[in-house]
Amino acid sequence: MYLEHLSLTDFRSYAQVDLALGPGVTVLVGSNGIGKTNLMEAIGYLATLSSHRVSSDAPLLRFGTDRALVRARLVRGGQTTVLELEINNGRANRGRINRSNPVRARDLLGICQTVLFAPEDLALVKGDPSNRRRFLDELLASLVPHHAATRGDYDRVLKQRNALLKSARAGKFSSAHESTLDVWDQHMARAGAELLHARLELVERLRPHLARAYAEVTDGSKPADAVYRSSLQNQMDDDGAPLGGATGSGVGGASPNGEDLRQFSVEQLTERYVRAFAESRRKELERGISLVGPHRDELELVLGQAPAKGYASHGETWSMCLSLRLASYYVMLDDTRTGGSAPILILDDVFAELDVQRRRKLAATVSGAEQVLVTAAVDADIPEELSGRRVKVIPGGIDEQGQ
């Protein structure tokens, strides 16, 4: 899979820009702040419907405008697909596939698949658990677009349930509210079970690839692994840490009492959630917040015998971040059903953050991908292993003479 053409209208700093692309390596070179990342962000947004830089859509619109357009021509095997995404201010975003009638933006998920490396990835290790949950959920939606709807349903029910719990905390809770809470418990249990089941399966697929990727970008002296810790087994505090000194789940989803959530069906997980909500109700009413559910789970990254967060050096942290992204790339490769559908690799200003050894190891690992898009402030940041077409980015556009 590769992008053949990208066109942006009123996206970030660009009033209008067109960029011709092709298979292999393309390096976009330009001074810092010139707009290179905006181009990569648009491609990533087309693939995931989210930005790796901001949490809302408003900053994506060029200042003073109320909509932005991202258009791309995608080649997958021998088939060409034209995707259009309209990002609106205050209204639902819309998409088009091959210039058809408008569809929901969500209907574009899974068509263009990307793996994006960026300096912001440090938050995958150093940041709070929400960053790692988002990583899992975005990868799930890329692999199985239906999971985007599952996460949306869960977030909607969670919002309603939390509003009811806050009302109770304010002293406005009645028997009628309790009946309503029972109903929301059932909805949240089902949506949460579907999301948890999908996450656990994904983590099991990621773990061997994470170990492989970490060995590829380092000297392999420490093994890398991932542990999914579910609030279904041990309630978490507001920062995602176990309450009461609990140790959380074991590797891959096994709890201290020997239960292994990986072996549970969605129906069994639903029943477990219903019971957990009942057991937690008093505390939830006291605190006015939902204490159990996928929104409080953690993906703990492990390096050697210790958690990467708080124990890994700066270089090890970078290597873990790169390995997570590479692992997601390998999972996508495993998932391909037909030829020509490998995801697009985007390395946005990553090499400037790495030492020479890690630059070369990462470059050697990704150089064989069908399409690799790289941004850099200067050519010297790019390892020789990533020789390819150079594109010069200038304020507001592309310098065709400099290509």
Protein backbone atom coordinates (compact mmCIF):
# COMPACT_ATOMS: atom_id res chain seq x y z
CA MET A 1 0.00 0.00 0.00
CA TYR A 2 1.25 3.50 -0.80
CA LEU A 3 -0.02 7.04 -1.22
CA GLU A 4 0.31 8.35 -4.76
CA HIS A 5 -0.98 11.86 -4.11
CA LEU A 6 -1.92 14.05 -1.15
CA SER A 7 -3.89 17.29 -1.35
CA LEU A 8 -4.75 19.59 1.56
CA THR A 9 -7.09 22.55 1.68
CA ASP A 10 -7.15 24.82 4.75
CA PHE A 11 -5.40 22.21 6.85
CA ARG A 12 -3.13 23.69 9.52
CA SER A 13 -0.73 26.13 7.81
CA TYR A 14 -1.73 25.21 4.28
CA ALA A 15 -4.32 27.12 2.27
CA GLN A 16 -3.67 24.62 -0.53
CA VAL A 17 -0.88 22.14 -1.14
CA ASP A 18 -0.42 19.15 -3.43
CA LEU A 19 2.23 16.50 -2.89
CA ALA A 20 3.07 13.72 -5.37
CA LEU A 21 4.30 10.57 -3.67
CA GLY A 22 5.30 7.05 -4.62
CA PRO A 23 6.53 3.71 -3.27
CA GLY A 24 9.86 3.48 -1.50
CA VAL A 25 11.45 6.18 0.64
CA THR A 26 10.48 9.85 0.41
CA VAL A 27 12.23 12.36 2.67
CA LEU A 28 10.62 15.77 3.27
CA VAL A 29 13.33 18.25 4.22
CA GLY A 30 12.75 21.74 5.59
CA SER A 31 13.49 23.99 8.54
CA ASN A 32 11.72 23.43 11.82
CA GLY A 33 8.24 24.97 11.94
CA ILE A 34 7.92 25.04 8.15
CA GLY A 35 4.98 22.58 7.95
CA LYS A 36 6.52 19.14 7.35
CA THR A 37 4.72 17.61 10.32
CA ASN A 38 1.40 19.08 9.15
CA LEU A 39 1.63 16.93 6.00
CA MET A 40 2.36 13.79 7.98
CA GLU A 41 -0.34 14.64 10.52
CA ALA A 42 -2.91 14.85 7.71
CA ILE A 43 -2.00 11.38 6.47
CA GLY A 44 -2.16 9.97 9.99
CA TYR A 45 -5.51 11.65 10.58
CA LEU A 46 -6.91 10.15 7.38
CA ALA A 47 -5.94 6.71 8.68
CA THR A 48 -7.01 6.98 12.33
CA LEU A 49 -9.36 10.01 12.53
CA SER A 50 -7.16 11.40 15.28
CA SER A 51 -4.04 13.54 15.52
CA HIS A 52 -0.82 12.51 17.23
CA ARG A 53 -0.34 16.14 18.31
CA VAL A 54 -3.69 17.46 19.57
CA SER A 55 -6.82 15.95 21.14
CA SER A 56 -9.42 18.04 19.28
CA ASP A 57 -10.04 18.91 15.63
CA ALA A 58 -10.13 22.70 15.98
CA PRO A 59 -6.34 23.25 15.65
CA LEU A 60 -6.35 21.27 12.39
CA LEU A 61 -8.32 24.00 10.61
CA ARG A 62 -6.36 26.88 9.14
CA PHE A 63 -6.99 29.92 11.33
CA GLY A 64 -10.12 31.78 10.28
CA THR A 65 -11.67 28.87 8.36
CA ASP A 66 -14.48 26.53 9.38
CA ARG A 67 -13.48 23.39 7.48
CA ALA A 68 -10.45 21.58 6.13
CA LEU A 69 -10.18 18.99 3.36
CA VAL A 70 -7.74 16.08 3.13
CA ARG A 71 -7.69 14.21 -0.19
CA ALA A 72 -5.51 11.24 -0.99
CA ARG A 73 -5.06 8.75 -3.81
CA LEU A 74 -4.14 5.36 -2.39
CA VAL A 75 -2.74 2.42 -4.34
CA ARG A 76 -3.35 -0.99 -2.80
CA GLY A 77 -2.18 -3.90 -4.91
CA GLY A 78 -3.50 -3.06 -8.36
CA GLN A 79 -6.43 -0.97 -7.10
CA THR A 80 -6.56 2.81 -6.73
CA THR A 81 -8.85 4.42 -4.14
CA VAL A 82 -9.52 8.12 -3.72
CA LEU A 83 -10.32 9.18 -0.16
CA GLU A 84 -11.65 12.56 0.92
CA LEU A 85 -12.12 13.71 4.49
CA GLU A 86 -13.91 16.93 5.42
CA ILE A 87 -13.01 18.18 8.91
CA ASN A 88 -15.66 20.58 10.17
CA ASN A 89 -15.77 23.09 12.99
CA GLY A 90 -18.81 22.39 15.16
CA ARG A 91 -20.30 19.76 12.83
CA ALA A 92 -19.70 16.08 12.22
CA ASN A 93 -16.82 15.26 9.92
CA ARG A 94 -17.68 13.57 6.63
CA GLY A 95 -15.86 11.37 4.16
CA ARG A 96 -16.05 10.25 0.55
CA ILE A 97 -14.72 7.10 -1.07
CA ASN A 98 -14.02 7.31 -4.81
CA ARG A 99 -16.07 10.52 -5.01
CA SER A 100 -19.25 8.76 -3.89
CA ASN A 101 -21.96 10.35 -1.78
CA PRO A 102 -20.78 11.58 1.63
CA VAL A 103 -20.43 8.93 4.34
CA ARG A 104 -19.56 9.04 8.02
CA ALA A 105 -15.90 9.80 8.64
CA ARG A 106 -15.74 6.50 10.53
CA ASP A 107 -16.46 4.61 7.30
CA LEU A 108 -12.97 5.53 6.07
CA LEU A 109 -11.23 3.63 8.87
CA GLY A 110 -9.18 0.64 7.77
CA ILE A 111 -8.76 1.78 4.15
CA CYS A 112 -5.55 3.76 4.60
CA GLN A 113 -3.33 2.12 7.22
CA THR A 114 -0.34 3.91 8.67
CA VAL A 115 2.17 3.52 11.47
CA LEU A 116 3.42 6.93 12.60
CA PHE A 117 6.59 7.48 14.65
CA ALA A 118 6.94 10.91 16.26
CA PRO A 119 8.69 12.62 19.21
CA GLU A 120 5.30 12.66 20.96
CA ASP A 121 5.64 8.88 21.26
CA LEU A 122 7.70 9.35 24.41
CA ALA A 123 4.33 9.70 26.16
CA LEU A 124 3.67 6.03 25.36
CA VAL A 125 6.22 5.15 28.03
CA LYS A 126 6.51 8.25 30.21
CA GLY A 127 2.91 9.46 30.07
CA ASP A 128 -0.22 8.39 31.92
CA PRO A 129 -2.17 5.19 31.07
CA SER A 130 -4.56 7.01 28.73
CA ASN A 131 -1.76 7.31 26.16
CA ARG A 132 -1.25 3.55 26.10
CA ARG A 133 -4.99 2.83 26.01
CA ARG A 134 -5.29 5.17 23.05
CA PHE A 135 -2.44 3.36 21.30
CA LEU A 136 -4.29 0.05 21.66
CA ASP A 137 -7.66 1.43 20.60
CA GLU A 138 -6.29 3.19 17.52
CA LEU A 139 -4.54 0.01 16.42
CA LEU A 140 -7.74 -1.97 17.03
CA ALA A 141 -9.76 0.44 14.89
CA SER A 142 -7.18 0.18 12.07
CA LEU A 143 -7.32 -3.62 12.14
CA VAL A 144 -11.07 -3.97 12.74
CA PRO A 145 -12.92 -0.68 12.08
CA HIS A 146 -15.96 -1.94 14.02
CA HIS A 147 -13.98 -1.44 17.23
CA ALA A 148 -14.12 2.34 16.72
CA ALA A 149 -17.88 2.07 17.18
CA THR A 150 -17.40 -0.19 20.20
CA ARG A 151 -15.15 2.40 21.85
CA GLY A 152 -17.60 5.17 20.91
CA ASP A 153 -20.50 3.27 22.48
CA TYR A 154 -18.49 2.64 25.62
CA ASP A 155 -17.50 6.31 25.97
CA ARG A 156 -21.11 7.41 25.52
CA VAL A 157 -22.41 5.03 28.21
CA LEU A 158 -19.54 5.94 30.54
CA LYS A 159 -20.40 9.63 30.23
CA GLN A 160 -24.05 8.99 31.09
CA ARG A 161 -23.17 6.71 33.99
CA ASN A 162 -20.68 9.19 35.45
CA ALA A 163 -23.25 11.98 35.22
CA LEU A 164 -25.66 9.85 37.25
CA LEU A 165 -23.00 9.04 39.85
CA LYS A 166 -22.10 12.72 40.19
CA SER A 167 -25.76 13.53 40.71
CA ALA A 168 -25.86 10.95 43.50
CA ARG A 169 -22.76 12.42 45.11
CA ALA A 170 -24.50 15.81 45.14
CA GLY A 171 -27.29 14.29 47.24
CA LYS A 172 -29.87 13.99 44.47
CA PHE A 173 -29.89 10.17 44.27
CA SER A 174 -33.23 8.35 44.56
CA SER A 175 -34.62 4.87 44.00
CA ALA A 176 -35.47 5.90 40.45
CA HIS A 177 -31.84 6.86 39.89
CA GLU A 178 -30.78 3.47 41.23
CA SER A 179 -32.96 1.68 38.68
CA THR A 180 -31.48 3.84 35.95
CA LEU A 181 -27.99 3.02 37.17
CA ASP A 182 -28.80 -0.69 36.91
CA VAL A 183 -29.70 -0.16 33.25
CA TRP A 184 -26.48 1.75 32.54
CA ASP A 185 -24.53 -1.00 34.31
CA GLN A 186 -25.83 -3.53 31.82
CA HIS A 187 -25.00 -1.35 28.81
CA MET A 188 -21.55 -0.48 30.12
CA ALA A 189 -20.79 -4.09 31.03
CA ARG A 190 -21.50 -5.28 27.51
CA ALA A 191 -19.59 -2.50 25.75
CA GLY A 192 -16.72 -2.80 28.23
CA ALA A 193 -16.54 -6.57 27.78
CA GLU A 194 -16.27 -6.23 24.00
CA LEU A 195 -13.53 -3.63 24.31
CA LEU A 196 -11.59 -5.57 26.95
CA HIS A 197 -11.83 -8.82 24.98
CA ALA A 198 -10.46 -7.11 21.86
CA ARG A 199 -7.64 -5.42 23.79
CA LEU A 200 -6.53 -8.64 25.44
CA GLU A 201 -6.37 -10.42 22.09
CA LEU A 202 -4.40 -7.53 20.60
CA VAL A 203 -1.88 -7.46 23.44
CA GLU A 204 -1.23 -11.17 22.94
CA ARG A 205 -0.52 -10.49 19.28
CA LEU A 206 1.71 -7.51 20.11
CA ARG A 207 3.90 -9.13 22.76
CA PRO A 208 6.13 -11.35 20.56
CA HIS A 209 6.52 -8.55 18.01
CA LEU A 210 7.44 -6.08 20.76
CA ALA A 211 10.18 -8.41 21.97
CA ARG A 212 11.44 -8.87 18.40
CA ALA A 213 11.36 -5.15 17.60
CA TYR A 214 13.20 -4.16 20.78
CA ALA A 215 15.94 -6.67 19.97
CA GLU A 216 16.19 -5.15 16.46
CA VAL A 217 16.68 -1.54 17.58
CA THR A 218 18.99 -2.32 20.56
CA ASP A 219 21.76 -4.75 21.44
CA GLY A 220 19.11 -7.15 22.75
CA SER A 221 20.53 -7.27 26.28
CA LYS A 222 17.11 -6.75 27.89
CA PRO A 223 13.82 -8.41 26.88
CA ALA A 224 10.78 -6.19 26.31
CA ASP A 225 7.24 -7.24 27.18
CA ALA A 226 3.78 -5.80 27.87
CA VAL A 227 1.36 -6.51 30.72
CA TYR A 228 -2.33 -5.70 30.48
CA ARG A 229 -3.69 -4.77 33.91
CA SER A 230 -7.47 -4.76 34.11
CA SER A 231 -9.53 -2.86 36.67
CA LEU A 232 -11.90 -5.82 36.46
CA GLN A 233 -9.40 -7.74 38.56
CA ASN A 234 -8.16 -4.94 40.79
CA GLN A 235 -9.70 -1.49 41.14
CA MET A 236 -7.41 1.38 40.25
CA ASP A 237 -6.99 4.82 41.73
CA ASP A 238 -7.34 8.03 39.73
CA ASP A 239 -3.80 7.64 38.35
CA GLY A 240 -4.33 4.04 37.24
CA ALA A 241 -2.47 2.47 40.19
CA PRO A 242 -4.01 -0.48 42.07
CA LEU A 243 -5.99 0.43 45.17
CA GLY A 244 -5.10 -1.11 48.51
CA GLY A 245 -1.66 -2.24 47.42
CA ALA A 246 -2.97 -4.80 44.92
CA THR A 247 -0.44 -6.01 42.39
CA GLY A 248 -2.72 -5.92 39.37
CA SER A 249 -3.02 -8.52 36.65
CA GLY A 250 -0.23 -10.78 35.56
CA VAL A 251 1.34 -10.94 32.13
CA GLY A 252 -1.27 -10.97 29.41
CA GLY A 253 -4.29 -10.67 31.71
CA ALA A 254 -3.91 -13.29 34.45
CA SER A 255 -4.98 -12.09 37.91
CA PRO A 256 -3.32 -12.85 41.25
CA ASN A 257 -6.00 -15.46 42.09
CA GLY A 258 -5.12 -17.43 38.97
CA GLU A 259 -7.96 -16.32 36.71
CA ASP A 260 -6.91 -15.57 33.17
CA LEU A 261 -9.17 -13.05 31.47
CA ARG A 262 -7.79 -14.08 28.10
CA GLN A 263 -9.78 -17.29 28.41
CA PHE A 264 -13.09 -15.48 29.04
CA SER A 265 -15.71 -14.94 26.35
CA VAL A 266 -17.41 -11.56 25.89
CA GLU A 267 -20.46 -12.96 27.69
CA GLN A 268 -18.36 -14.09 30.66
CA LEU A 269 -16.58 -10.75 30.84
CA THR A 270 -19.97 -9.00 30.74
CA GLU A 271 -21.10 -11.00 33.77
CA ARG A 272 -17.87 -10.18 35.58
CA TYR A 273 -18.35 -6.48 34.94
CA VAL A 274 -21.94 -6.55 36.22
CA ARG A 275 -20.71 -8.16 39.45
CA ALA A 276 -17.81 -5.74 39.74
CA PHE A 277 -20.15 -2.75 39.33
CA ALA A 278 -22.36 -4.09 42.11
CA GLU A 279 -19.37 -4.62 44.41
CA SER A 280 -18.04 -1.13 43.67
CA ARG A 281 -21.33 0.76 43.85
CA ARG A 282 -20.88 2.17 47.34
CA LYS A 283 -17.43 3.55 46.55
CA GLU A 284 -18.61 4.86 43.19
CA LEU A 285 -21.54 6.68 44.78
CA GLU A 286 -19.19 8.20 47.36
CA ARG A 287 -16.71 9.39 44.74
CA GLY A 288 -19.13 10.16 41.90
CA ILE A 289 -17.11 8.32 39.27
CA SER A 290 -16.93 4.90 37.59
CA LEU A 291 -14.09 2.94 39.18
CA VAL A 292 -14.21 -0.19 37.03
CA GLY A 293 -13.98 -0.53 33.26
CA PRO A 294 -11.57 -0.41 30.32
CA HIS A 295 -11.20 3.35 30.82
CA ARG A 296 -9.20 2.59 33.99
CA ASP A 297 -7.04 -0.22 32.61
CA GLU A 298 -3.30 -0.03 32.06
CA LEU A 299 -0.88 -1.43 29.50
CA GLU A 300 2.32 -1.72 31.47
CA LEU A 301 5.50 -1.85 29.41
CA VAL A 302 8.22 -4.01 30.93
CA LEU A 303 11.95 -3.89 30.23
CA GLY A 304 13.95 -6.71 31.78
CA GLN A 305 12.38 -7.24 35.20
CA ALA A 306 11.20 -3.66 35.78
CA PRO A 307 8.49 -1.38 34.40
CA ALA A 308 9.86 0.85 31.65
CA LYS A 309 8.12 3.89 33.14
CA GLY A 310 10.33 5.31 35.85
CA TYR A 311 13.14 2.77 35.39
CA ALA A 312 14.23 2.97 31.75
CA SER A 313 16.99 5.37 30.69
CA HIS A 314 16.25 8.01 28.05
CA GLY A 315 17.73 5.81 25.33
CA GLU A 316 15.81 2.76 26.54
CA THR A 317 12.61 4.80 26.64
CA TRP A 318 13.09 5.84 23.02
CA SER A 319 13.85 2.27 22.03
CA MET A 320 10.66 1.05 23.73
CA CYS A 321 8.59 3.69 21.94
CA LEU A 322 10.07 2.75 18.57
CA SER A 323 9.53 -0.93 19.34
CA LEU A 324 5.86 -0.40 20.14
CA ARG A 325 5.32 1.27 16.78
CA LEU A 326 7.30 -1.42 14.97
CA ALA A 327 5.29 -4.09 16.78
CA SER A 328 2.06 -2.51 15.55
CA TYR A 329 3.52 -2.52 12.02
CA TYR A 330 4.31 -6.24 12.29
CA VAL A 331 0.81 -6.97 13.61
CA MET A 332 -0.65 -5.16 10.59
CA LEU A 333 1.58 -7.19 8.28
CA ASP A 334 0.31 -10.38 9.93
CA ASP A 335 -3.23 -9.17 9.35
CA THR A 336 -2.94 -8.50 5.64
CA ARG A 337 -5.18 -10.71 3.55
CA THR A 338 -3.99 -9.70 0.08
CA GLY A 339 -0.76 -8.46 -1.48
CA GLY A 340 0.06 -4.78 -1.59
CA SER A 341 -1.63 -3.88 1.69
CA ALA A 342 1.31 -3.30 4.03
CA PRO A 343 0.82 -0.12 6.08
CA ILE A 344 2.58 3.14 5.26
CA LEU A 345 5.42 3.99 7.62
CA ILE A 346 5.73 7.64 8.69
CA LEU A 347 8.80 8.80 10.62
CA ASP A 348 8.15 12.39 11.64
CA ASP A 349 11.30 14.14 12.86
CA VAL A 350 12.38 11.01 14.74
CA PHE A 351 16.01 10.66 13.68
CA ALA A 352 17.05 14.00 15.23
CA GLU A 353 16.09 12.50 18.62
CA LEU A 354 18.18 9.32 18.24
CA ASP A 355 21.87 8.54 18.55
CA VAL A 356 23.76 7.24 15.52
CA GLN A 357 23.43 3.57 16.47
CA ARG A 358 19.66 3.72 16.95
CA ARG A 359 19.27 5.73 13.74
CA ARG A 360 21.00 3.04 11.74
CA LYS A 361 19.16 0.16 13.39
CA LEU A 362 15.75 1.80 12.86
CA ALA A 363 16.59 2.74 9.27
CA ALA A 364 17.73 -0.79 8.46
CA THR A 365 14.53 -2.21 9.96
CA VAL A 366 12.08 0.02 8.04
CA SER A 367 13.95 0.49 4.74
CA GLY A 368 12.26 -2.51 3.12
CA ALA A 369 8.69 -1.25 3.69
CA GLU A 370 6.56 -0.52 0.62
CA GLN A 371 6.35 3.19 1.45
CA VAL A 372 8.35 5.14 4.04
CA LEU A 373 7.73 8.86 4.56
CA VAL A 374 10.38 10.70 6.58
CA THR A 375 10.65 14.31 7.73
CA ALA A 376 13.90 15.99 8.77
CA ALA A 377 15.25 19.50 9.26
CA VAL A 378 18.53 18.63 7.50
CA ASP A 379 19.71 15.80 5.27
CA ALA A 380 22.44 14.94 7.74
CA ASP A 381 19.82 13.54 10.14
CA ILE A 382 18.84 10.82 7.66
CA PRO A 383 20.87 7.58 7.73
CA GLU A 384 22.37 6.34 4.47
CA GLU A 385 20.12 3.26 4.67
CA LEU A 386 17.16 5.51 3.80
CA SER A 387 18.35 6.81 0.48
CA GLY A 388 15.43 7.89 -1.66
CA ARG A 389 13.58 10.82 -3.16
CA ARG A 390 14.02 14.20 -1.46
CA VAL A 391 11.24 16.82 -1.32
CA LYS A 392 11.92 20.37 -0.14
CA VAL A 393 9.18 21.90 2.02
CA ILE A 394 8.90 25.70 2.04
CA PRO A 395 6.44 28.04 3.81
CA GLY A 396 2.96 27.27 2.54
CA GLY A 397 3.90 24.57 0.07
CA ILE A 398 6.40 22.40 -1.80
CA ASP A 399 9.42 23.62 -3.81
CA GLU A 400 9.03 21.67 -7.04
CA GLN A 401 12.45 22.86 -8.25
CA GLY A 402 14.06 21.56 -5.09
CA GLN A 403 12.80 17.99 -5.49
